[in-house]
Amino acid sequence: MKEGIHPKYHEDCTVTCGCGNSFTTGSTLQKITVEICSACHPFFTGTQKFVDTAGRVEKFQKKFGSNYFKPKTPNKG
């Protein structure tokens, strides 16, 4: 392996989930934040959960305006 081209490996990387669960693993990053982990994912827990990712619809409407979804009136003439 070439020296000096590989990122530093951290054996004590802390992964923190949005549900409050945290665990330690190895990574090239010291700290990782995730939205869903195995403690709150529906596949592992067997429960349905709605995840709103920072109001995507509201963000779109703010960017393009609320008239974007209204039907266009045909031009006559």
C-alpha atoms as a PDB file:
ATOM      1  CA  MET A   1       0.000   0.000   0.000  1.00  0.00           C
ATOM      2  CA  LYS A   2       1.148   3.526  -0.700  1.00  0.00           C
ATOM      3  CA  GLU A   3       1.805   5.666   2.334  1.00  0.00           C
ATOM      4  CA  GLY A   4      -0.176   8.857   2.930  1.00  0.00           C
ATOM      5  CA  ILE A   5      -3.058   8.331   0.484  1.00  0.00           C
ATOM      6  CA  HIS A   6      -5.497   6.440   2.703  1.00  0.00           C
ATOM      7  CA  PRO A   7      -7.868   8.197   5.132  1.00  0.00           C
ATOM      8  CA  LYS A   8      -7.387   7.696   8.865  1.00  0.00           C
ATOM      9  CA  TYR A   9      -9.443   4.828  10.293  1.00  0.00           C
ATOM     10  CA  HIS A  10     -11.251   5.488  13.601  1.00  0.00           C
ATOM     11  CA  GLU A  11     -12.132   2.376  15.591  1.00  0.00           C
ATOM     12  CA  ASP A  12     -14.391   4.329  17.952  1.00  0.00           C
ATOM     13  CA  CYS A  13     -16.794   6.039  15.527  1.00  0.00           C
ATOM     14  CA  THR A  14     -20.066   7.012  17.203  1.00  0.00           C
ATOM     15  CA  VAL A  15     -23.247   6.546  15.143  1.00  0.00           C
ATOM     16  CA  THR A  16     -26.238   8.542  16.417  1.00  0.00           C
ATOM     17  CA  CYS A  17     -29.778   7.977  15.134  1.00  0.00           C
ATOM     18  CA  GLY A  18     -32.687  10.416  15.066  1.00  0.00           C
ATOM     19  CA  CYS A  19     -34.587   8.141  17.475  1.00  0.00           C
ATOM     20  CA  GLY A  20     -31.889   8.633  20.138  1.00  0.00           C
ATOM     21  CA  ASN A  21     -30.154   5.284  19.737  1.00  0.00           C
ATOM     22  CA  SER A  22     -26.363   5.378  19.432  1.00  0.00           C
ATOM     23  CA  PHE A  23     -23.660   2.755  18.999  1.00  0.00           C
ATOM     24  CA  THR A  24     -19.939   2.533  18.278  1.00  0.00           C
ATOM     25  CA  THR A  25     -18.355   1.106  15.144  1.00  0.00           C
ATOM     26  CA  GLY A  26     -15.301   1.605  12.950  1.00  0.00           C
ATOM     27  CA  SER A  27     -15.209   4.165  10.143  1.00  0.00           C
ATOM     28  CA  THR A  28     -13.111   6.780   8.431  1.00  0.00           C
ATOM     29  CA  LEU A  29     -15.363   9.392  10.085  1.00  0.00           C
ATOM     30  CA  GLN A  30     -15.335  10.125  13.813  1.00  0.00           C
ATOM     31  CA  LYS A  31     -19.056  10.868  14.087  1.00  0.00           C
ATOM     32  CA  ILE A  32     -22.014   9.758  11.916  1.00  0.00           C
ATOM     33  CA  THR A  33     -25.644  10.919  12.187  1.00  0.00           C
ATOM     34  CA  VAL A  34     -28.394   8.829  10.562  1.00  0.00           C
ATOM     35  CA  GLU A  35     -32.177   9.203  10.282  1.00  0.00           C
ATOM     36  CA  ILE A  36     -33.141   5.531  10.694  1.00  0.00           C
ATOM     37  CA  CYS A  37     -31.278   2.694  12.423  1.00  0.00           C
ATOM     38  CA  SER A  38     -32.033  -0.936  13.215  1.00  0.00           C
ATOM     39  CA  ALA A  39     -33.701   0.085  16.498  1.00  0.00           C
ATOM     40  CA  CYS A  40     -36.383   2.156  14.750  1.00  0.00           C
ATOM     41  CA  HIS A  41     -36.540   0.771  11.174  1.00  0.00           C
ATOM     42  CA  PRO A  42     -39.948  -0.797  10.359  1.00  0.00           C
ATOM     43  CA  PHE A  43     -38.344  -3.935   8.903  1.00  0.00           C
ATOM     44  CA  PHE A  44     -36.603  -4.754  12.191  1.00  0.00           C
ATOM     45  CA  THR A  45     -39.278  -3.493  14.624  1.00  0.00           C
ATOM     46  CA  GLY A  46     -42.395  -4.683  12.775  1.00  0.00           C
ATOM     47  CA  THR A  47     -44.166  -1.341  13.281  1.00  0.00           C
ATOM     48  CA  GLN A  48     -45.107   1.283  10.701  1.00  0.00           C
ATOM     49  CA  LYS A  49     -43.547   4.714  11.186  1.00  0.00           C
ATOM     50  CA  PHE A  50     -43.979   7.915   9.176  1.00  0.00           C
ATOM     51  CA  VAL A  51     -40.697   9.660   8.478  1.00  0.00           C
ATOM     52  CA  ASP A  52     -40.902  13.280   7.364  1.00  0.00           C
ATOM     53  CA  THR A  53     -37.613  14.341   5.858  1.00  0.00           C
ATOM     54  CA  ALA A  54     -37.483  18.066   6.516  1.00  0.00           C
ATOM     55  CA  GLY A  55     -40.803  18.974   4.859  1.00  0.00           C
ATOM     56  CA  ARG A  56     -39.941  18.249   1.234  1.00  0.00           C
ATOM     57  CA  VAL A  57     -43.349  19.373  -0.054  1.00  0.00           C
ATOM     58  CA  GLU A  58     -43.153  22.666   1.834  1.00  0.00           C
ATOM     59  CA  LYS A  59     -39.591  23.200   0.608  1.00  0.00           C
ATOM     60  CA  PHE A  60     -40.714  22.593  -3.004  1.00  0.00           C
ATOM     61  CA  GLN A  61     -43.683  24.957  -2.658  1.00  0.00           C
ATOM     62  CA  LYS A  62     -41.454  27.624  -1.157  1.00  0.00           C
ATOM     63  CA  LYS A  63     -39.003  27.294  -4.032  1.00  0.00           C
ATOM     64  CA  PHE A  64     -41.477  27.144  -6.938  1.00  0.00           C
ATOM     65  CA  GLY A  65     -44.566  28.777  -5.433  1.00  0.00           C
ATOM     66  CA  SER A  66     -47.918  27.278  -4.527  1.00  0.00           C
ATOM     67  CA  ASN A  67     -49.315  27.857  -8.056  1.00  0.00           C
ATOM     68  CA  TYR A  68     -47.124  25.121  -9.538  1.00  0.00           C
ATOM     69  CA  PHE A  69     -49.769  22.387  -9.116  1.00  0.00           C
ATOM     70  CA  LYS A  70     -52.751  24.426 -10.280  1.00  0.00           C
ATOM     71  CA  PRO A  71     -54.072  23.468 -13.742  1.00  0.00           C
ATOM     72  CA  LYS A  72     -53.021  25.779 -16.545  1.00  0.00           C
ATOM     73  CA  THR A  73     -55.793  27.512 -18.457  1.00  0.00           C
ATOM     74  CA  PRO A  74     -55.557  27.137 -22.242  1.00  0.00           C
ATOM     75  CA  ASN A  75     -54.920  30.300 -24.239  1.00  0.00           C
ATOM     76  CA  LYS A  76     -57.791  31.191 -26.536  1.00  0.00           C
ATOM     77  CA  GLY A  77     -57.008  33.232 -29.448  1.00  0.00           C
END
